[in-house]
Amino acid sequence: MEEDIHTNSSVPRIAVLVSGRGSNLEALIHAVKTQQLRAEIALVISSKSSARALDIAKAAGIPCEIVSPAQYPSRKEEGLKIVELLQTCGAQLAVTAGYSRIFDPCVIEAFRLKIINIHPSLLPAFAGSMAPGPQKRALESGVKISGCTTHFITEDTDAGPIIAQRAVPVMNDDTVETLADRILEAEHQLLPESVQMALDGRVTVEGNKTIVTSERSVYAGS
């Protein structure tokens, strides 16, 4: 019998925050099913009730919650609800995968260096916007290499300690769409790998830099 990806108590629990189509959520689910990512996706939180990502989560049997900014009188109250949900589901790590909201500081403080984001550029280049903004700016700037970055979320947007990066070439005939598709393929590989590195205790933060080791120190053997 196939193991249920949200009921295995022997592995660490993560939560995924989404706002859109959910392709990176799909990549995480696939990585769990194929045991490339040794984790339980305990909860998906969406800022939009219409997000396709919710359908993906429900099809995989993952509990979902909607935390829409319209439901709360302030960003702090929205943030406190997110903190409550993350703590209640027992998430050791949160992952933003196409999540369009900027966290209130209370979320970052409660999960300091425990929230991983993926951004469609080689940070610090083209920070500060979501897809397709960074891809458009990459083409306009004439760079020959772009890519994606995983990093811990801090109070400064897209400026937290970088975990890993993956480069992709920029072709002469690229459009925003073709470059975005190529970067997205890299994201689907990099995000599960980065989450696993963090869960394994292989990422140490010193100032705004990380040191990534090859030896697992946490959850080894899970």
N, C-alpha and C. Protein backbone atom coordinates (compact mmCIF):
# COMPACT_ATOMS: atom_id res chain seq x y z
N MET A 1 0.85 -1.20 0.00
CA MET A 1 0.00 0.00 0.00
C MET A 1 0.89 1.25 0.00
N GLU A 2 0.52 2.25 -0.84
CA GLU A 2 1.30 3.48 -0.91
C GLU A 2 1.16 4.25 0.39
N GLU A 3 2.30 4.76 0.89
CA GLU A 3 2.30 5.49 2.15
C GLU A 3 1.62 6.85 1.97
N ASP A 4 0.76 7.22 2.90
CA ASP A 4 0.07 8.50 2.85
C ASP A 4 1.07 9.60 3.17
N ILE A 5 1.14 10.63 2.34
CA ILE A 5 2.15 11.65 2.51
C ILE A 5 1.86 12.60 3.67
N HIS A 6 0.69 12.50 4.29
CA HIS A 6 0.40 13.44 5.37
C HIS A 6 0.09 12.72 6.69
N THR A 7 0.44 11.45 6.82
CA THR A 7 0.17 10.75 8.08
C THR A 7 1.39 10.01 8.62
N ASN A 8 2.54 10.22 8.04
CA ASN A 8 3.74 9.54 8.51
C ASN A 8 4.37 10.34 9.65
N SER A 9 4.26 9.83 10.87
CA SER A 9 4.73 10.56 12.04
C SER A 9 6.22 10.41 12.28
N SER A 10 6.91 9.62 11.47
CA SER A 10 8.33 9.38 11.70
C SER A 10 9.23 10.40 11.01
N VAL A 11 8.66 11.34 10.30
CA VAL A 11 9.45 12.34 9.58
C VAL A 11 9.03 13.74 10.01
N PRO A 12 9.88 14.74 9.80
CA PRO A 12 9.53 16.11 10.18
C PRO A 12 8.36 16.63 9.37
N ARG A 13 7.64 17.56 9.97
CA ARG A 13 6.46 18.12 9.33
C ARG A 13 6.78 19.50 8.76
N ILE A 14 6.26 19.77 7.56
CA ILE A 14 6.40 21.07 6.95
C ILE A 14 5.02 21.59 6.56
N ALA A 15 4.93 22.90 6.40
CA ALA A 15 3.73 23.55 5.88
C ALA A 15 4.13 24.33 4.64
N VAL A 16 3.22 24.41 3.68
CA VAL A 16 3.49 25.12 2.43
C VAL A 16 2.45 26.23 2.26
N LEU A 17 2.95 27.43 1.97
CA LEU A 17 2.06 28.58 1.76
C LEU A 17 2.03 28.91 0.28
N VAL A 18 0.83 29.12 -0.25
CA VAL A 18 0.62 29.26 -1.69
C VAL A 18 -0.37 30.39 -1.97
N SER A 19 -0.35 30.82 -3.25
CA SER A 19 -1.35 31.80 -3.70
C SER A 19 -1.83 31.54 -5.11
N GLY A 20 -1.16 30.63 -5.84
CA GLY A 20 -1.46 30.50 -7.26
C GLY A 20 -1.61 29.09 -7.76
N ARG A 21 -0.92 28.80 -8.87
CA ARG A 21 -1.15 27.55 -9.59
C ARG A 21 -0.59 26.32 -8.90
N GLY A 22 0.41 26.51 -8.04
CA GLY A 22 0.85 25.39 -7.21
C GLY A 22 1.85 24.43 -7.84
N SER A 23 2.59 24.87 -8.85
CA SER A 23 3.52 23.93 -9.49
C SER A 23 4.66 23.54 -8.55
N ASN A 24 5.12 24.46 -7.72
CA ASN A 24 6.17 24.11 -6.76
C ASN A 24 5.61 23.23 -5.64
N LEU A 25 4.35 23.43 -5.29
CA LEU A 25 3.71 22.52 -4.34
C LEU A 25 3.66 21.12 -4.93
N GLU A 26 3.30 21.02 -6.21
CA GLU A 26 3.29 19.72 -6.89
C GLU A 26 4.67 19.07 -6.84
N ALA A 27 5.71 19.87 -7.03
CA ALA A 27 7.07 19.34 -7.00
C ALA A 27 7.41 18.80 -5.62
N LEU A 28 6.97 19.51 -4.57
CA LEU A 28 7.22 19.04 -3.21
C LEU A 28 6.45 17.74 -2.92
N ILE A 29 5.21 17.68 -3.36
CA ILE A 29 4.42 16.47 -3.17
C ILE A 29 5.07 15.29 -3.87
N HIS A 30 5.50 15.52 -5.11
CA HIS A 30 6.17 14.45 -5.86
C HIS A 30 7.45 14.02 -5.16
N ALA A 31 8.20 14.97 -4.64
CA ALA A 31 9.45 14.63 -3.95
C ALA A 31 9.19 13.81 -2.70
N VAL A 32 8.09 14.09 -1.99
CA VAL A 32 7.73 13.30 -0.82
C VAL A 32 7.35 11.88 -1.24
N LYS A 33 6.53 11.78 -2.27
CA LYS A 33 6.07 10.46 -2.72
C LYS A 33 7.21 9.59 -3.20
N THR A 34 8.21 10.20 -3.82
CA THR A 34 9.36 9.44 -4.33
C THR A 34 10.49 9.34 -3.32
N GLN A 35 10.25 9.87 -2.11
CA GLN A 35 11.20 9.83 -1.00
C GLN A 35 12.48 10.61 -1.28
N GLN A 36 12.42 11.53 -2.22
CA GLN A 36 13.52 12.46 -2.39
C GLN A 36 13.49 13.51 -1.29
N LEU A 37 12.30 13.76 -0.76
CA LEU A 37 12.11 14.67 0.38
C LEU A 37 11.51 13.86 1.51
N ARG A 38 12.25 13.72 2.59
CA ARG A 38 11.81 12.93 3.73
C ARG A 38 11.08 13.86 4.71
N ALA A 39 9.84 14.13 4.39
CA ALA A 39 9.04 15.05 5.19
C ALA A 39 7.57 14.74 5.01
N GLU A 40 6.79 15.24 5.94
CA GLU A 40 5.33 15.16 5.85
C GLU A 40 4.79 16.56 5.58
N ILE A 41 4.05 16.72 4.52
CA ILE A 41 3.39 18.00 4.26
C ILE A 41 2.12 18.03 5.11
N ALA A 42 2.21 18.72 6.22
CA ALA A 42 1.14 18.67 7.22
C ALA A 42 0.01 19.64 6.92
N LEU A 43 0.30 20.70 6.17
CA LEU A 43 -0.72 21.73 5.95
C LEU A 43 -0.34 22.57 4.75
N VAL A 44 -1.35 22.97 3.99
CA VAL A 44 -1.19 23.98 2.94
C VAL A 44 -2.05 25.18 3.32
N ILE A 45 -1.44 26.36 3.33
CA ILE A 45 -2.15 27.60 3.63
C ILE A 45 -2.17 28.44 2.37
N SER A 46 -3.35 28.89 1.97
CA SER A 46 -3.47 29.73 0.78
C SER A 46 -4.02 31.10 1.14
N SER A 47 -3.48 32.11 0.46
CA SER A 47 -4.01 33.46 0.65
C SER A 47 -5.21 33.73 -0.24
N LYS A 48 -5.52 32.78 -1.16
CA LYS A 48 -6.62 32.95 -2.09
C LYS A 48 -7.46 31.67 -2.14
N SER A 49 -8.76 31.82 -2.02
CA SER A 49 -9.64 30.65 -2.06
C SER A 49 -9.72 30.05 -3.46
N SER A 50 -9.35 30.84 -4.48
CA SER A 50 -9.42 30.37 -5.86
C SER A 50 -8.12 29.74 -6.36
N ALA A 51 -7.11 29.66 -5.52
CA ALA A 51 -5.81 29.16 -5.96
C ALA A 51 -5.90 27.70 -6.42
N ARG A 52 -5.36 27.42 -7.60
CA ARG A 52 -5.33 26.05 -8.10
C ARG A 52 -4.54 25.14 -7.16
N ALA A 53 -3.61 25.72 -6.44
CA ALA A 53 -2.79 24.94 -5.51
C ALA A 53 -3.65 24.21 -4.48
N LEU A 54 -4.79 24.78 -4.13
CA LEU A 54 -5.68 24.12 -3.16
C LEU A 54 -6.22 22.82 -3.73
N ASP A 55 -6.55 22.81 -5.02
CA ASP A 55 -7.03 21.58 -5.65
C ASP A 55 -5.95 20.51 -5.63
N ILE A 56 -4.72 20.93 -5.86
CA ILE A 56 -3.59 19.98 -5.85
C ILE A 56 -3.42 19.40 -4.46
N ALA A 57 -3.48 20.26 -3.44
CA ALA A 57 -3.32 19.79 -2.06
C ALA A 57 -4.45 18.84 -1.67
N LYS A 58 -5.68 19.19 -2.00
CA LYS A 58 -6.82 18.35 -1.64
C LYS A 58 -6.76 17.00 -2.34
N ALA A 59 -6.31 16.99 -3.60
CA ALA A 59 -6.18 15.73 -4.33
C ALA A 59 -5.15 14.81 -3.69
N ALA A 60 -4.17 15.41 -3.02
CA ALA A 60 -3.13 14.64 -2.34
C ALA A 60 -3.51 14.32 -0.90
N GLY A 61 -4.69 14.76 -0.47
CA GLY A 61 -5.14 14.47 0.89
C GLY A 61 -4.49 15.33 1.95
N ILE A 62 -4.00 16.50 1.57
CA ILE A 62 -3.32 17.38 2.52
C ILE A 62 -4.32 18.39 3.07
N PRO A 63 -4.38 18.57 4.38
CA PRO A 63 -5.27 19.58 4.96
C PRO A 63 -4.95 20.98 4.44
N CYS A 64 -5.98 21.78 4.24
CA CYS A 64 -5.83 23.13 3.70
C CYS A 64 -6.52 24.15 4.59
N GLU A 65 -5.94 25.33 4.63
CA GLU A 65 -6.55 26.47 5.31
C GLU A 65 -6.42 27.69 4.40
N ILE A 66 -7.43 28.54 4.42
CA ILE A 66 -7.38 29.79 3.67
C ILE A 66 -7.23 30.94 4.66
N VAL A 67 -6.16 31.72 4.46
CA VAL A 67 -5.94 32.91 5.28
C VAL A 67 -5.86 34.08 4.30
N SER A 68 -7.02 34.66 4.02
CA SER A 68 -7.12 35.76 3.07
C SER A 68 -6.98 37.09 3.80
N PRO A 69 -6.24 38.03 3.23
CA PRO A 69 -6.09 39.33 3.91
C PRO A 69 -7.42 40.03 4.14
N ALA A 70 -8.42 39.73 3.32
CA ALA A 70 -9.73 40.37 3.49
C ALA A 70 -10.42 39.92 4.78
N GLN A 71 -9.96 38.81 5.35
CA GLN A 71 -10.60 38.28 6.56
C GLN A 71 -10.13 38.99 7.82
N TYR A 72 -9.05 39.78 7.73
CA TYR A 72 -8.41 40.30 8.93
C TYR A 72 -8.26 41.81 8.83
N PRO A 73 -8.49 42.52 9.95
CA PRO A 73 -8.43 43.98 9.93
C PRO A 73 -7.01 44.53 9.81
N SER A 74 -6.01 43.70 10.06
CA SER A 74 -4.63 44.18 9.96
C SER A 74 -3.72 43.04 9.51
N ARG A 75 -2.56 43.41 8.98
CA ARG A 75 -1.59 42.41 8.55
C ARG A 75 -1.06 41.63 9.75
N LYS A 76 -0.99 42.28 10.92
CA LYS A 76 -0.52 41.58 12.10
C LYS A 76 -1.50 40.48 12.51
N GLU A 77 -2.81 40.76 12.47
CA GLU A 77 -3.77 39.72 12.83
C GLU A 77 -3.76 38.58 11.82
N GLU A 78 -3.56 38.92 10.55
CA GLU A 78 -3.37 37.88 9.53
C GLU A 78 -2.15 37.03 9.86
N GLY A 79 -1.07 37.71 10.26
CA GLY A 79 0.15 37.00 10.61
C GLY A 79 0.00 36.12 11.83
N LEU A 80 -0.71 36.61 12.82
CA LEU A 80 -0.91 35.82 14.03
C LEU A 80 -1.70 34.55 13.73
N LYS A 81 -2.65 34.64 12.80
CA LYS A 81 -3.40 33.45 12.40
C LYS A 81 -2.49 32.44 11.71
N ILE A 82 -1.59 32.93 10.88
CA ILE A 82 -0.64 32.03 10.22
C ILE A 82 0.26 31.35 11.24
N VAL A 83 0.74 32.11 12.20
CA VAL A 83 1.57 31.53 13.26
C VAL A 83 0.80 30.45 14.00
N GLU A 84 -0.44 30.74 14.33
CA GLU A 84 -1.28 29.76 15.05
C GLU A 84 -1.41 28.47 14.24
N LEU A 85 -1.67 28.59 12.95
CA LEU A 85 -1.84 27.41 12.12
C LEU A 85 -0.54 26.62 12.00
N LEU A 86 0.57 27.31 11.83
CA LEU A 86 1.85 26.62 11.71
C LEU A 86 2.20 25.89 13.00
N GLN A 87 1.93 26.52 14.11
CA GLN A 87 2.24 25.89 15.40
C GLN A 87 1.30 24.72 15.67
N THR A 88 0.03 24.88 15.33
CA THR A 88 -0.95 23.83 15.59
C THR A 88 -0.66 22.57 14.78
N CYS A 89 -0.21 22.74 13.54
CA CYS A 89 0.07 21.57 12.71
C CYS A 89 1.44 20.96 13.00
N GLY A 90 2.20 21.61 13.88
CA GLY A 90 3.49 21.05 14.27
C GLY A 90 4.58 21.20 13.22
N ALA A 91 4.49 22.24 12.40
CA ALA A 91 5.47 22.42 11.32
C ALA A 91 6.83 22.84 11.90
N GLN A 92 7.86 22.06 11.56
CA GLN A 92 9.22 22.47 11.90
C GLN A 92 9.76 23.48 10.91
N LEU A 93 9.15 23.52 9.73
CA LEU A 93 9.63 24.38 8.66
C LEU A 93 8.44 24.79 7.81
N ALA A 94 8.44 26.03 7.35
CA ALA A 94 7.42 26.50 6.42
C ALA A 94 8.09 26.83 5.09
N VAL A 95 7.35 26.62 4.01
CA VAL A 95 7.88 26.87 2.67
C VAL A 95 6.89 27.75 1.92
N THR A 96 7.35 28.87 1.39
CA THR A 96 6.50 29.70 0.55
C THR A 96 6.76 29.32 -0.90
N ALA A 97 5.72 28.88 -1.58
CA ALA A 97 5.83 28.38 -2.95
C ALA A 97 4.82 29.13 -3.82
N GLY A 98 5.25 30.28 -4.34
CA GLY A 98 4.32 31.11 -5.08
C GLY A 98 3.35 31.83 -4.17
N TYR A 99 3.82 32.22 -2.99
CA TYR A 99 2.98 32.90 -2.00
C TYR A 99 3.13 34.40 -2.20
N SER A 100 2.02 35.11 -2.42
CA SER A 100 2.08 36.51 -2.84
C SER A 100 2.08 37.52 -1.69
N ARG A 101 1.90 37.07 -0.47
CA ARG A 101 1.82 37.98 0.66
C ARG A 101 3.19 38.20 1.30
N ILE A 102 3.40 39.41 1.82
CA ILE A 102 4.58 39.71 2.62
C ILE A 102 4.20 39.50 4.08
N PHE A 103 4.98 38.70 4.79
CA PHE A 103 4.65 38.36 6.17
C PHE A 103 4.76 39.56 7.09
N ASP A 104 3.85 39.62 8.05
CA ASP A 104 4.03 40.53 9.17
C ASP A 104 5.25 40.05 9.97
N PRO A 105 5.99 40.95 10.58
CA PRO A 105 7.17 40.54 11.35
C PRO A 105 6.90 39.48 12.41
N CYS A 106 5.66 39.39 12.90
CA CYS A 106 5.36 38.40 13.94
C CYS A 106 5.55 36.97 13.42
N VAL A 107 5.31 36.75 12.13
CA VAL A 107 5.50 35.42 11.55
C VAL A 107 6.98 35.10 11.46
N ILE A 108 7.75 36.05 11.00
CA ILE A 108 9.19 35.84 10.85
C ILE A 108 9.84 35.62 12.21
N GLU A 109 9.39 36.36 13.20
CA GLU A 109 9.96 36.21 14.54
C GLU A 109 9.63 34.85 15.13
N ALA A 110 8.40 34.39 14.93
CA ALA A 110 7.99 33.09 15.49
C ALA A 110 8.70 31.93 14.81
N PHE A 111 9.05 32.10 13.53
CA PHE A 111 9.71 31.04 12.77
C PHE A 111 11.02 31.55 12.17
N ARG A 112 11.83 32.15 13.02
CA ARG A 112 13.09 32.73 12.58
C ARG A 112 13.97 31.67 11.93
N LEU A 113 14.38 31.92 10.68
CA LEU A 113 15.21 31.00 9.89
C LEU A 113 14.56 29.63 9.75
N LYS A 114 13.23 29.62 9.75
CA LYS A 114 12.47 28.39 9.55
C LYS A 114 11.45 28.53 8.41
N ILE A 115 11.59 29.59 7.61
CA ILE A 115 10.71 29.79 6.46
C ILE A 115 11.58 29.91 5.21
N ILE A 116 11.37 29.04 4.26
CA ILE A 116 12.15 29.01 3.02
C ILE A 116 11.30 29.53 1.87
N ASN A 117 11.88 30.42 1.09
CA ASN A 117 11.23 30.95 -0.11
C ASN A 117 12.05 30.57 -1.33
N ILE A 118 11.38 30.46 -2.49
CA ILE A 118 12.09 30.30 -3.75
C ILE A 118 11.76 31.48 -4.64
N HIS A 119 12.79 32.03 -5.26
CA HIS A 119 12.64 33.25 -6.07
C HIS A 119 13.21 32.99 -7.46
N PRO A 120 12.52 33.46 -8.52
CA PRO A 120 12.95 33.14 -9.88
C PRO A 120 14.02 34.07 -10.45
N SER A 121 15.11 34.21 -9.71
CA SER A 121 16.29 34.91 -10.21
C SER A 121 17.47 34.48 -9.36
N LEU A 122 18.65 34.85 -9.79
CA LEU A 122 19.85 34.61 -9.00
C LEU A 122 20.04 35.82 -8.08
N LEU A 123 19.42 35.75 -6.91
CA LEU A 123 19.52 36.86 -5.96
C LEU A 123 20.98 37.14 -5.63
N PRO A 124 21.32 38.42 -5.38
CA PRO A 124 20.41 39.55 -5.15
C PRO A 124 19.90 40.24 -6.42
N ALA A 125 20.19 39.70 -7.58
CA ALA A 125 19.68 40.31 -8.81
C ALA A 125 18.16 40.15 -8.91
N PHE A 126 17.50 41.20 -9.36
CA PHE A 126 16.07 41.17 -9.69
C PHE A 126 15.20 40.73 -8.52
N ALA A 127 15.51 41.27 -7.37
CA ALA A 127 14.71 41.00 -6.17
C ALA A 127 13.48 41.90 -6.15
N GLY A 128 12.56 41.58 -5.25
CA GLY A 128 11.48 42.50 -4.95
C GLY A 128 10.19 42.33 -5.72
N SER A 129 10.09 41.31 -6.56
CA SER A 129 8.82 41.08 -7.25
C SER A 129 8.67 39.60 -7.53
N MET A 130 7.43 39.19 -7.81
CA MET A 130 7.17 37.79 -8.14
C MET A 130 7.18 37.60 -9.65
N ALA A 131 7.18 36.33 -10.06
CA ALA A 131 7.09 36.01 -11.49
C ALA A 131 5.83 36.64 -12.07
N PRO A 132 5.94 37.19 -13.30
CA PRO A 132 7.09 37.14 -14.22
C PRO A 132 8.01 38.34 -14.15
N GLY A 133 7.90 39.14 -13.08
CA GLY A 133 8.71 40.34 -12.98
C GLY A 133 10.21 40.11 -13.10
N PRO A 134 10.79 39.20 -12.29
CA PRO A 134 12.23 38.97 -12.38
C PRO A 134 12.68 38.46 -13.75
N GLN A 135 11.89 37.61 -14.37
CA GLN A 135 12.26 37.09 -15.69
C GLN A 135 12.23 38.22 -16.73
N LYS A 136 11.25 39.09 -16.65
CA LYS A 136 11.15 40.22 -17.56
C LYS A 136 12.35 41.14 -17.39
N ARG A 137 12.72 41.40 -16.16
CA ARG A 137 13.86 42.28 -15.90
C ARG A 137 15.17 41.65 -16.34
N ALA A 138 15.27 40.32 -16.22
CA ALA A 138 16.47 39.64 -16.68
C ALA A 138 16.64 39.81 -18.19
N LEU A 139 15.56 39.63 -18.94
CA LEU A 139 15.62 39.80 -20.39
C LEU A 139 15.96 41.24 -20.75
N GLU A 140 15.33 42.19 -20.08
CA GLU A 140 15.57 43.60 -20.38
C GLU A 140 17.00 44.02 -20.07
N SER A 141 17.61 43.37 -19.07
CA SER A 141 18.98 43.75 -18.68
C SER A 141 20.04 43.14 -19.58
N GLY A 142 19.67 42.11 -20.35
CA GLY A 142 20.61 41.48 -21.24
C GLY A 142 21.53 40.46 -20.62
N VAL A 143 21.20 39.96 -19.42
CA VAL A 143 22.06 38.96 -18.79
C VAL A 143 22.03 37.67 -19.61
N LYS A 144 23.10 36.92 -19.54
CA LYS A 144 23.21 35.67 -20.29
C LYS A 144 22.87 34.46 -19.43
N ILE A 145 22.84 34.66 -18.12
CA ILE A 145 22.50 33.58 -17.18
C ILE A 145 21.49 34.12 -16.18
N SER A 146 20.43 33.36 -15.96
CA SER A 146 19.48 33.67 -14.90
C SER A 146 19.34 32.41 -14.06
N GLY A 147 18.23 32.26 -13.36
CA GLY A 147 18.07 31.07 -12.54
C GLY A 147 17.12 31.27 -11.39
N CYS A 148 17.33 30.53 -10.33
CA CYS A 148 16.45 30.61 -9.16
C CYS A 148 17.28 30.48 -7.88
N THR A 149 16.69 30.94 -6.80
CA THR A 149 17.37 31.00 -5.51
C THR A 149 16.43 30.55 -4.41
N THR A 150 16.90 29.73 -3.50
CA THR A 150 16.18 29.47 -2.26
C THR A 150 16.87 30.22 -1.14
N HIS A 151 16.06 30.78 -0.24
CA HIS A 151 16.64 31.55 0.86
C HIS A 151 15.69 31.54 2.04
N PHE A 152 16.24 31.81 3.22
CA PHE A 152 15.41 31.99 4.40
C PHE A 152 14.78 33.38 4.35
N ILE A 153 13.52 33.45 4.74
CA ILE A 153 12.82 34.73 4.74
C ILE A 153 13.19 35.52 6.00
N THR A 154 13.50 36.79 5.79
CA THR A 154 13.74 37.73 6.88
C THR A 154 12.85 38.95 6.66
N GLU A 155 13.02 39.94 7.50
CA GLU A 155 12.19 41.14 7.38
C GLU A 155 12.44 41.90 6.08
N ASP A 156 13.62 41.74 5.49
CA ASP A 156 13.94 42.42 4.24
C ASP A 156 13.58 41.51 3.06
N THR A 157 12.74 42.00 2.17
CA THR A 157 12.21 41.19 1.07
C THR A 157 13.32 40.65 0.17
N ASP A 158 13.31 39.33 -0.04
CA ASP A 158 14.24 38.64 -0.93
C ASP A 158 15.71 38.88 -0.56
N ALA A 159 15.96 39.15 0.71
CA ALA A 159 17.33 39.48 1.13
C ALA A 159 17.85 38.56 2.23
N GLY A 160 17.11 37.51 2.57
CA GLY A 160 17.55 36.62 3.63
C GLY A 160 18.68 35.72 3.19
N PRO A 161 19.30 35.00 4.12
CA PRO A 161 20.43 34.14 3.81
C PRO A 161 20.11 33.14 2.71
N ILE A 162 20.97 33.10 1.69
CA ILE A 162 20.76 32.23 0.54
C ILE A 162 21.16 30.80 0.88
N ILE A 163 20.28 29.86 0.57
CA ILE A 163 20.55 28.43 0.81
C ILE A 163 21.23 27.82 -0.41
N ALA A 164 20.61 28.00 -1.57
CA ALA A 164 21.16 27.40 -2.79
C ALA A 164 20.66 28.16 -4.01
N GLN A 165 21.38 28.00 -5.11
CA GLN A 165 21.00 28.64 -6.37
C GLN A 165 21.22 27.67 -7.52
N ARG A 166 20.43 27.85 -8.57
CA ARG A 166 20.63 27.05 -9.78
C ARG A 166 20.53 27.98 -10.98
N ALA A 167 21.55 27.93 -11.83
CA ALA A 167 21.61 28.81 -13.00
C ALA A 167 20.99 28.14 -14.22
N VAL A 168 20.37 28.95 -15.06
CA VAL A 168 19.87 28.49 -16.36
C VAL A 168 20.30 29.51 -17.40
N PRO A 169 20.55 29.08 -18.63
CA PRO A 169 20.98 30.02 -19.67
C PRO A 169 19.81 30.87 -20.16
N VAL A 170 20.16 32.06 -20.58
CA VAL A 170 19.18 32.93 -21.25
C VAL A 170 19.49 32.86 -22.74
N MET A 171 18.52 32.40 -23.52
CA MET A 171 18.72 32.22 -24.95
C MET A 171 18.41 33.51 -25.72
N ASN A 172 19.02 33.63 -26.90
CA ASN A 172 18.82 34.84 -27.71
C ASN A 172 17.36 35.04 -28.10
N ASP A 173 16.63 33.96 -28.30
CA ASP A 173 15.24 34.07 -28.73
C ASP A 173 14.25 33.90 -27.59
N ASP A 174 14.70 33.99 -26.36
CA ASP A 174 13.80 33.81 -25.22
C ASP A 174 12.74 34.91 -25.17
N THR A 175 11.56 34.50 -24.76
CA THR A 175 10.52 35.43 -24.33
C THR A 175 10.43 35.33 -22.81
N VAL A 176 9.65 36.20 -22.21
CA VAL A 176 9.45 36.09 -20.76
C VAL A 176 8.90 34.71 -20.42
N GLU A 177 7.99 34.21 -21.25
CA GLU A 177 7.35 32.93 -20.97
C GLU A 177 8.33 31.76 -21.08
N THR A 178 9.16 31.75 -22.13
CA THR A 178 10.09 30.63 -22.29
C THR A 178 11.17 30.65 -21.21
N LEU A 179 11.63 31.84 -20.84
CA LEU A 179 12.62 31.91 -19.77
C LEU A 179 11.99 31.50 -18.45
N ALA A 180 10.76 31.94 -18.20
CA ALA A 180 10.08 31.57 -16.95
C ALA A 180 9.89 30.06 -16.87
N ASP A 181 9.55 29.42 -17.98
CA ASP A 181 9.37 27.97 -17.98
C ASP A 181 10.67 27.25 -17.67
N ARG A 182 11.78 27.74 -18.23
CA ARG A 182 13.07 27.10 -17.99
C ARG A 182 13.50 27.27 -16.53
N ILE A 183 13.26 28.44 -15.99
CA ILE A 183 13.59 28.67 -14.58
C ILE A 183 12.70 27.82 -13.68
N LEU A 184 11.43 27.69 -14.05
CA LEU A 184 10.51 26.92 -13.23
C LEU A 184 10.94 25.45 -13.13
N GLU A 185 11.44 24.89 -14.21
CA GLU A 185 11.96 23.52 -14.17
C GLU A 185 13.07 23.40 -13.14
N ALA A 186 13.94 24.41 -13.09
CA ALA A 186 15.02 24.40 -12.10
C ALA A 186 14.47 24.55 -10.68
N GLU A 187 13.44 25.38 -10.52
CA GLU A 187 12.82 25.55 -9.21
C GLU A 187 12.30 24.23 -8.67
N HIS A 188 11.68 23.44 -9.54
CA HIS A 188 11.07 22.19 -9.11
C HIS A 188 12.11 21.20 -8.58
N GLN A 189 13.35 21.35 -8.99
CA GLN A 189 14.43 20.51 -8.48
C GLN A 189 15.05 21.13 -7.23
N LEU A 190 15.27 22.44 -7.29
CA LEU A 190 16.01 23.11 -6.22
C LEU A 190 15.24 23.20 -4.92
N LEU A 191 13.92 23.45 -4.99
CA LEU A 191 13.16 23.66 -3.76
C LEU A 191 13.13 22.42 -2.87
N PRO A 192 12.76 21.23 -3.38
CA PRO A 192 12.80 20.06 -2.50
C PRO A 192 14.20 19.77 -1.96
N GLU A 193 15.22 19.95 -2.78
CA GLU A 193 16.59 19.72 -2.32
C GLU A 193 16.94 20.66 -1.17
N SER A 194 16.54 21.92 -1.30
CA SER A 194 16.86 22.91 -0.26
C SER A 194 16.11 22.64 1.03
N VAL A 195 14.84 22.24 0.91
CA VAL A 195 14.06 21.90 2.10
C VAL A 195 14.70 20.72 2.82
N GLN A 196 15.13 19.72 2.05
CA GLN A 196 15.76 18.56 2.68
C GLN A 196 17.06 18.94 3.38
N MET A 197 17.86 19.80 2.75
CA MET A 197 19.09 20.24 3.39
C MET A 197 18.81 20.93 4.72
N ALA A 198 17.80 21.77 4.75
CA ALA A 198 17.46 22.46 5.99
C ALA A 198 16.95 21.49 7.04
N LEU A 199 16.10 20.56 6.66
CA LEU A 199 15.58 19.57 7.61
C LEU A 199 16.68 18.66 8.14
N ASP A 200 17.68 18.40 7.31
CA ASP A 200 18.81 17.56 7.73
C ASP A 200 19.79 18.29 8.64
N GLY A 201 19.56 19.57 8.88
CA GLY A 201 20.47 20.34 9.71
C GLY A 201 21.78 20.66 9.02
N ARG A 202 21.76 20.70 7.69
CA ARG A 202 22.99 20.91 6.93
C ARG A 202 23.22 22.38 6.59
N VAL A 203 22.31 23.26 7.00
CA VAL A 203 22.42 24.67 6.67
C VAL A 203 22.62 25.48 7.94
N THR A 204 23.80 26.07 8.07
CA THR A 204 24.13 26.92 9.22
C THR A 204 24.19 28.36 8.77
N VAL A 205 23.54 29.24 9.51
CA VAL A 205 23.51 30.66 9.15
C VAL A 205 24.50 31.42 10.01
N GLU A 206 25.35 32.17 9.34
CA GLU A 206 26.31 33.05 10.01
C GLU A 206 26.14 34.44 9.42
N GLY A 207 25.55 35.34 10.20
CA GLY A 207 25.22 36.66 9.67
C GLY A 207 24.16 36.51 8.60
N ASN A 208 24.46 36.99 7.40
CA ASN A 208 23.51 36.82 6.30
C ASN A 208 24.03 35.81 5.27
N LYS A 209 24.94 34.96 5.71
CA LYS A 209 25.47 33.92 4.84
C LYS A 209 25.14 32.55 5.41
N THR A 210 25.13 31.55 4.56
CA THR A 210 24.92 30.19 5.02
C THR A 210 26.14 29.34 4.72
N ILE A 211 26.34 28.35 5.56
CA ILE A 211 27.34 27.30 5.30
C ILE A 211 26.56 26.00 5.17
N VAL A 212 26.69 25.36 4.02
CA VAL A 212 25.97 24.12 3.76
C VAL A 212 26.97 22.97 3.78
N THR A 213 26.70 21.99 4.64
CA THR A 213 27.59 20.84 4.76
C THR A 213 26.97 19.63 4.07
N SER A 214 27.78 18.65 3.79
CA SER A 214 27.28 17.44 3.13
C SER A 214 26.79 16.40 4.13
N GLU A 215 27.13 16.58 5.40
CA GLU A 215 26.77 15.59 6.41
C GLU A 215 25.47 15.94 7.09
N ARG A 216 24.56 15.00 7.17
CA ARG A 216 23.28 15.23 7.84
C ARG A 216 23.46 15.15 9.34
N SER A 217 22.84 16.12 10.05
CA SER A 217 22.97 16.13 11.51
C SER A 217 21.62 16.06 12.21
N VAL A 218 20.54 16.30 11.49
CA VAL A 218 19.20 16.27 12.07
C VAL A 218 18.32 15.38 11.21
N TYR A 219 17.49 14.56 11.85
CA TYR A 219 16.57 13.66 11.17
C TYR A 219 17.30 12.61 10.31
N ALA A 220 18.58 12.43 10.56
CA ALA A 220 19.33 11.44 9.76
C ALA A 220 18.70 10.08 9.90
N GLY A 221 18.56 9.41 8.79
CA GLY A 221 17.99 8.07 8.79
C GLY A 221 16.49 8.03 8.72
N SER A 222 15.85 9.23 8.65
CA SER A 222 14.38 9.26 8.58
C SER A 222 13.93 8.71 7.23
